[in-house]
């Protein structure tokens, strides 16, 4: 049973990575369309939100990596 589960896990990880890449592409396209419509103040706020989101993502990854050790 273990080899079957291990293979399934590899496939699920690959699917997850593919989905993340596709979602990022969609969001990047949307942001490229939205950004020119924003005021300078809104652009600053968007950039700050993007940085905060990236920091949260990095912290989540660090926690996940630490839990796996």
Protein backbone atom coordinates (compact mmCIF):
# COMPACT_ATOMS: atom_id res chain seq x y z
CA UNK A 1 0.00 0.00 0.00
CA UNK A 2 2.82 2.41 0.86
CA UNK A 3 4.26 2.56 -2.69
CA UNK A 4 0.79 3.31 -4.08
CA UNK A 5 0.31 6.16 -1.61
CA UNK A 6 3.80 7.49 -2.29
CA UNK A 7 3.10 7.56 -6.04
CA UNK A 8 -0.26 9.25 -5.47
CA UNK A 9 1.43 11.87 -3.29
CA UNK A 10 3.93 12.66 -6.06
CA UNK A 11 1.10 13.08 -8.55
CA UNK A 12 -0.84 15.31 -6.17
CA UNK A 13 2.20 17.51 -5.54
CA UNK A 14 2.71 17.87 -9.30
CA UNK A 15 -0.97 18.78 -9.79
CA UNK A 16 -0.77 21.31 -6.99
CA UNK A 17 2.32 22.97 -8.45
CA UNK A 18 0.70 23.14 -11.89
CA UNK A 19 -2.46 24.68 -10.42
CA UNK A 20 -0.41 27.26 -8.51
CA UNK A 21 1.47 28.26 -11.66
CA UNK A 22 -1.77 28.63 -13.63
CA UNK A 23 -3.42 30.63 -10.85
CA UNK A 24 -0.39 32.93 -10.67
CA UNK A 25 -0.58 33.51 -14.43
CA UNK A 26 -4.26 34.45 -14.16
CA UNK A 27 -3.60 36.83 -11.26
CA UNK A 28 -0.61 38.41 -13.01
CA UNK A 29 -2.76 39.08 -16.09
CA UNK A 30 -5.53 40.57 -13.97
CA UNK A 31 -3.10 42.79 -12.05
CA UNK A 32 -1.54 43.99 -15.31
CA UNK A 33 -5.00 45.11 -16.43
CA UNK A 34 -5.99 46.63 -13.06
CA UNK A 35 -2.78 48.49 -12.23
CA UNK A 36 -3.15 51.21 -14.95
CA UNK A 37 -6.63 52.01 -13.63
CA UNK A 38 -5.41 52.81 -10.11
CA UNK A 39 -4.43 56.14 -8.62
CA UNK A 40 -0.84 56.48 -7.37
CA UNK A 41 -2.08 56.02 -3.80
CA UNK A 42 -3.93 52.86 -4.75
CA UNK A 43 -0.83 51.52 -6.51
CA UNK A 44 1.16 52.07 -3.31
CA UNK A 45 -1.47 50.24 -1.29
CA UNK A 46 -1.57 47.38 -3.81
CA UNK A 47 2.22 47.06 -3.69
CA UNK A 48 2.16 47.02 0.12
CA UNK A 49 -0.53 44.35 0.12
CA UNK A 50 1.46 42.28 -2.38
CA UNK A 51 4.59 42.52 -0.19
CA UNK A 52 2.61 41.54 2.92
CA UNK A 53 1.11 38.57 1.09
CA UNK A 54 4.56 37.44 -0.07
CA UNK A 55 5.92 37.64 3.49
CA UNK A 56 2.98 35.58 4.75
CA UNK A 57 3.57 33.01 2.01
CA UNK A 58 7.26 32.78 2.92
CA UNK A 59 6.40 32.38 6.62
CA UNK A 60 3.89 29.64 5.78
CA UNK A 61 6.49 27.83 3.67
CA UNK A 62 9.05 28.11 6.48
CA UNK A 63 6.55 26.63 8.94
CA UNK A 64 5.69 23.83 6.52
CA UNK A 65 9.37 23.08 5.89
CA UNK A 66 10.15 23.08 9.63
CA UNK A 67 7.25 20.73 10.34
CA UNK A 68 8.58 18.30 7.73
CA UNK A 69 11.97 18.01 9.41
